[in-house]
Protein backbone atom coordinates (compact mmCIF):
# COMPACT_ATOMS: atom_id res chain seq x y z
CA UNK A 1 12.15 -69.29 -304.03
CA UNK A 2 9.75 -66.59 -302.90
CA UNK A 3 11.66 -63.48 -301.85
CA UNK A 4 10.87 -59.93 -300.89
CA UNK A 5 13.02 -57.00 -301.99
CA UNK A 6 13.10 -53.36 -300.97
CA UNK A 7 11.37 -52.31 -304.20
CA UNK A 8 8.54 -54.75 -303.40
CA UNK A 9 7.47 -52.84 -300.29
CA UNK A 10 4.13 -51.19 -301.00
CA UNK A 11 3.01 -47.80 -299.77
CA UNK A 12 1.16 -49.44 -296.88
CA UNK A 13 4.40 -51.15 -295.74
CA UNK A 14 3.11 -54.62 -296.70
CA UNK A 15 5.37 -56.95 -298.69
CA UNK A 16 4.61 -58.39 -302.12
CA UNK A 17 6.33 -61.70 -302.82
CA UNK A 18 7.93 -62.46 -306.16
CA UNK A 19 8.91 -65.77 -307.64
CA UNK A 20 12.48 -66.92 -307.14
CA UNK A 21 14.62 -69.38 -309.03
CA UNK A 22 13.15 -72.20 -311.10
CA UNK A 23 12.04 -75.24 -309.12
CA UNK A 24 11.76 -73.34 -305.82
CA UNK A 25 8.42 -71.61 -306.37
CA UNK A 26 6.21 -71.90 -303.26
CA UNK A 27 8.91 -73.64 -301.20
CA UNK A 28 9.29 -70.63 -298.89
CA UNK A 29 6.23 -69.34 -297.03
CA UNK A 30 6.08 -65.89 -295.48
CA UNK A 31 3.54 -66.29 -292.66
CA UNK A 32 3.91 -62.83 -291.14
CA UNK A 33 3.48 -62.35 -287.37
CA UNK A 34 1.80 -65.35 -285.79
CA UNK A 35 0.34 -64.91 -282.29
CA UNK A 36 -1.83 -68.00 -282.09
CA UNK A 37 0.10 -70.65 -280.14
CA UNK A 38 -1.69 -73.55 -281.82
CA UNK A 39 -0.91 -72.28 -285.31
CA UNK A 40 2.67 -71.48 -284.29
CA UNK A 41 3.14 -75.03 -283.04
CA UNK A 42 1.63 -76.35 -286.27
CA UNK A 43 4.14 -74.40 -288.34
CA UNK A 44 7.04 -75.54 -286.15
CA UNK A 45 6.09 -79.22 -286.26
CA UNK A 46 6.07 -79.08 -290.08
CA UNK A 47 9.74 -78.06 -290.08
CA UNK A 48 12.93 -80.08 -289.70
CA UNK A 49 15.21 -77.35 -288.37
CA UNK A 50 15.00 -73.90 -286.77
CA UNK A 51 17.46 -71.32 -288.10
CA UNK A 52 18.40 -68.57 -285.66
CA UNK A 53 21.74 -67.11 -286.83
CA UNK A 54 21.64 -64.06 -284.55
CA UNK A 55 24.53 -62.55 -282.63
CA UNK A 56 22.39 -59.78 -281.13
CA UNK A 57 19.60 -61.69 -279.40
CA UNK A 58 19.92 -63.00 -275.87
CA UNK A 59 19.10 -66.55 -274.79
CA UNK A 60 15.76 -66.19 -276.51
CA UNK A 61 12.56 -68.07 -275.83
CA UNK A 62 12.21 -68.92 -279.54
CA UNK A 63 14.92 -71.57 -279.24
CA UNK A 64 12.99 -73.17 -276.35
CA UNK A 65 9.74 -72.93 -278.32
CA UNK A 66 11.39 -74.75 -281.22
CA UNK A 67 12.74 -77.39 -278.84
CA UNK A 68 9.24 -77.88 -277.44
CA UNK A 69 8.21 -78.88 -280.99
CA UNK A 70 11.16 -81.27 -281.44
CA UNK A 71 13.21 -78.84 -283.53
CA UNK A 72 16.95 -78.41 -283.21
CA UNK A 73 18.24 -74.87 -283.71
CA UNK A 74 21.09 -73.59 -285.84
CA UNK A 75 22.93 -70.92 -283.87
CA UNK A 76 26.05 -68.80 -284.13
CA UNK A 77 28.77 -70.27 -281.95
CA UNK A 78 29.69 -68.03 -279.03
CA UNK A 79 26.39 -66.11 -279.18
CA UNK A 80 24.09 -65.67 -276.20
CA UNK A 81 21.41 -67.67 -277.96
CA UNK A 82 23.76 -70.65 -278.18
CA UNK A 83 24.15 -70.94 -274.40
CA UNK A 84 23.50 -74.50 -273.23
CA UNK A 85 23.63 -75.94 -276.77
CA UNK A 86 25.98 -78.80 -277.63
CA UNK A 87 26.79 -79.07 -281.33
CA UNK A 88 25.33 -82.10 -283.06
CA UNK A 89 23.75 -83.20 -279.77
CA UNK A 90 20.82 -80.88 -279.10
CA UNK A 91 21.51 -78.20 -281.70
CA UNK A 92 23.98 -76.97 -284.29
CA UNK A 93 26.69 -74.32 -284.25
CA UNK A 94 27.96 -72.40 -287.27
CA UNK A 95 30.29 -69.54 -288.03
CA UNK A 96 28.76 -66.15 -288.68
CA UNK A 97 28.70 -66.55 -292.46
CA UNK A 98 26.38 -67.68 -295.24
CA UNK A 99 28.92 -70.28 -296.34
CA UNK A 100 28.94 -71.91 -292.90
CA UNK A 101 25.13 -72.05 -292.89
CA UNK A 102 25.04 -73.57 -296.38
CA UNK A 103 27.57 -76.25 -295.45
CA UNK A 104 25.60 -77.25 -292.35
CA UNK A 105 22.28 -77.44 -294.20
CA UNK A 106 23.83 -79.53 -296.94
CA UNK A 107 25.25 -81.90 -294.33
CA UNK A 108 22.00 -82.17 -292.34
CA UNK A 109 19.92 -82.83 -295.43
CA UNK A 110 21.88 -86.02 -296.07
CA UNK A 111 20.76 -87.63 -292.77
CA UNK A 112 17.27 -86.53 -291.75
CA UNK A 113 16.92 -89.33 -289.19
CA UNK A 114 19.92 -87.96 -287.26
CA UNK A 115 18.53 -84.44 -287.65
CA UNK A 116 15.28 -85.55 -286.03
CA UNK A 117 17.24 -87.30 -283.28
CA UNK A 118 19.01 -84.03 -282.48
CA UNK A 119 15.59 -82.34 -282.43
CA UNK A 120 14.32 -84.91 -279.93
CA UNK A 121 17.38 -84.30 -277.75
CA UNK A 122 16.59 -80.58 -277.88
CA UNK A 123 13.08 -81.32 -276.63
CA UNK A 124 14.37 -83.54 -273.83
CA UNK A 125 17.31 -81.36 -272.75
CA UNK A 126 16.56 -77.74 -273.63
CA UNK A 127 12.84 -77.24 -273.29
CA UNK A 128 11.66 -76.32 -269.81
CA UNK A 129 8.08 -75.54 -268.79
CA UNK A 130 7.18 -72.39 -266.88
CA UNK A 131 6.06 -74.54 -263.95
CA UNK A 132 9.45 -76.22 -263.77
CA UNK A 133 11.32 -72.95 -264.20
CA UNK A 134 9.39 -71.30 -261.35
CA UNK A 135 9.80 -74.35 -259.11
CA UNK A 136 13.57 -74.50 -259.69
CA UNK A 137 13.90 -70.76 -259.05
CA UNK A 138 11.86 -71.07 -255.84
CA UNK A 139 13.98 -74.00 -254.62
CA UNK A 140 17.18 -72.12 -255.42
CA UNK A 141 16.07 -68.99 -253.54
CA UNK A 142 15.07 -71.18 -250.61
CA UNK A 143 18.59 -72.65 -250.47
CA UNK A 144 20.16 -69.20 -250.71
CA UNK A 145 17.91 -67.92 -247.94
CA UNK A 146 18.96 -70.76 -245.64
CA UNK A 147 22.62 -70.13 -246.46
CA UNK A 148 22.17 -66.45 -245.62
CA UNK A 149 20.51 -67.31 -242.30
CA UNK A 150 23.42 -69.62 -241.44
CA UNK A 151 25.91 -66.84 -242.15
CA UNK A 152 27.56 -68.68 -245.03
CA UNK A 153 27.75 -65.50 -247.07
CA UNK A 154 29.42 -63.56 -244.30
CA UNK A 155 28.33 -60.07 -243.25
CA UNK A 156 28.78 -57.15 -245.56
CA UNK A 157 28.25 -53.68 -244.21
CA UNK A 158 24.86 -52.28 -245.24
CA UNK A 159 24.21 -55.27 -247.53
CA UNK A 160 22.59 -57.85 -245.28
CA UNK A 161 18.99 -58.87 -245.85
CA UNK A 162 18.06 -57.53 -242.43
CA UNK A 163 19.58 -54.15 -243.23
CA UNK A 164 17.84 -54.08 -246.56
CA UNK A 165 14.48 -54.94 -245.04
CA UNK A 166 14.99 -52.43 -242.21
CA UNK A 167 15.94 -49.66 -244.64
CA UNK A 168 13.03 -50.51 -246.89
CA UNK A 169 10.67 -50.37 -243.91
CA UNK A 170 12.03 -46.97 -242.88
CA UNK A 171 11.62 -45.63 -246.39
CA UNK A 172 8.07 -46.92 -246.60
CA UNK A 173 7.20 -45.39 -243.22
CA UNK A 174 8.62 -42.00 -244.19
CA UNK A 175 6.92 -42.20 -247.57
CA UNK A 176 3.63 -43.03 -245.88
CA UNK A 177 3.97 -40.01 -243.60
CA UNK A 178 4.78 -37.75 -246.54
CA UNK A 179 1.76 -38.92 -248.48
CA UNK A 180 -0.48 -38.74 -245.41
CA UNK A 181 0.63 -35.21 -244.47
CA UNK A 182 -1.60 -33.38 -246.98
CA UNK A 183 -4.56 -35.54 -246.00
CA UNK A 184 -3.92 -34.99 -242.30
CA UNK A 185 -3.68 -31.27 -242.96
CA UNK A 186 -6.88 -31.39 -244.97
CA UNK A 187 -8.67 -33.39 -242.30
CA UNK A 188 -7.39 -30.97 -239.64
CA UNK A 189 -8.60 -28.01 -241.67
CA UNK A 190 -11.98 -29.65 -242.20
CA UNK A 191 -12.25 -30.42 -238.49
CA UNK A 192 -11.36 -26.81 -237.65
CA UNK A 193 -13.81 -25.55 -240.26
CA UNK A 194 -16.56 -27.65 -238.72
CA UNK A 195 -15.79 -26.22 -235.28
CA UNK A 196 -15.86 -22.72 -236.77
CA UNK A 197 -19.20 -23.40 -238.36
CA UNK A 198 -20.59 -24.55 -235.01
CA UNK A 199 -19.23 -21.43 -233.27
CA UNK A 200 -20.72 -19.17 -235.95
CA UNK A 201 -24.07 -20.96 -235.68
CA UNK A 202 -24.05 -20.51 -231.90
CA UNK A 203 -23.10 -16.84 -232.25
CA UNK A 204 -25.86 -16.31 -234.78
CA UNK A 205 -28.36 -17.92 -232.44
CA UNK A 206 -27.21 -15.78 -229.49
CA UNK A 207 -27.31 -12.65 -231.66
CA UNK A 208 -30.83 -13.48 -232.84
CA UNK A 209 -31.95 -14.06 -229.23
CA UNK A 210 -30.42 -10.77 -228.09
CA UNK A 211 -32.02 -8.90 -231.00
CA UNK A 212 -35.41 -10.39 -230.14
CA UNK A 213 -34.98 -9.40 -226.49
CA UNK A 214 -33.92 -5.88 -227.41
CA UNK A 215 -36.84 -5.56 -229.82
CA UNK A 216 -39.30 -6.71 -227.15
CA UNK A 217 -37.81 -4.38 -224.55
CA UNK A 218 -37.76 -1.42 -226.92
CA UNK A 219 -41.34 -2.12 -227.98
CA UNK A 220 -42.55 -2.32 -224.36
CA UNK A 221 -40.74 0.87 -223.37
CA UNK A 222 -42.17 2.67 -226.38
CA UNK A 223 -45.66 1.53 -225.48
CA UNK A 224 -45.19 2.70 -221.87
CA UNK A 225 -44.12 6.18 -223.00
CA UNK A 226 -47.00 6.45 -225.42
CA UNK A 227 -49.46 5.43 -222.71
CA UNK A 228 -47.91 7.88 -220.22
CA UNK A 229 -48.22 10.79 -222.65
CA UNK A 230 -51.83 9.91 -223.29
CA UNK A 231 -52.71 9.99 -219.60
CA UNK A 232 -51.14 13.40 -219.20
């Protein structure tokens, strides 16, 4: 059997495999992370059973992926991952121990035809496509919506759909006003600045006109005085 131990971890965090017991060399393959769906399906369809003895994972998609490839899963009884699984029908349940796993594998290996039958049941009963999942969820929400409209859920203070939608609308309106306030202020300032610019331009024009008039008047008066002095 090919195994990997803590002392086999290299400096770059990769794993070096060592040979296991006699007669088991090459029987276990460490594929590493596999993200290609076609290759993942190829690996799954080569197997006879999917082992998932986890008590920490939820109702994981890996069990459904295995079922899609005709693989039954071995799960810990009472775990979240075992939800919806019937032992020896569309999957297998074991105790949380190595001995329980070993006993099940020894039993399954004696009747591979039944093992494959359980895998087929897993495909027929457990696997569900995304299209079907979305359609069932949509249909369920539609039923719940009709029940709510008919008052079958009763009226709970501040918890009705109408109240929720009304409150959400109010929040969005207030939020919109808050976010628009700086822009409105900016636009108002820009509008006022534009008016100020126009007033300044007009004042400058009037000032220039007045200066020109004063200059002409002063020049004419100065000429008149000079001419008058000359005549005298």
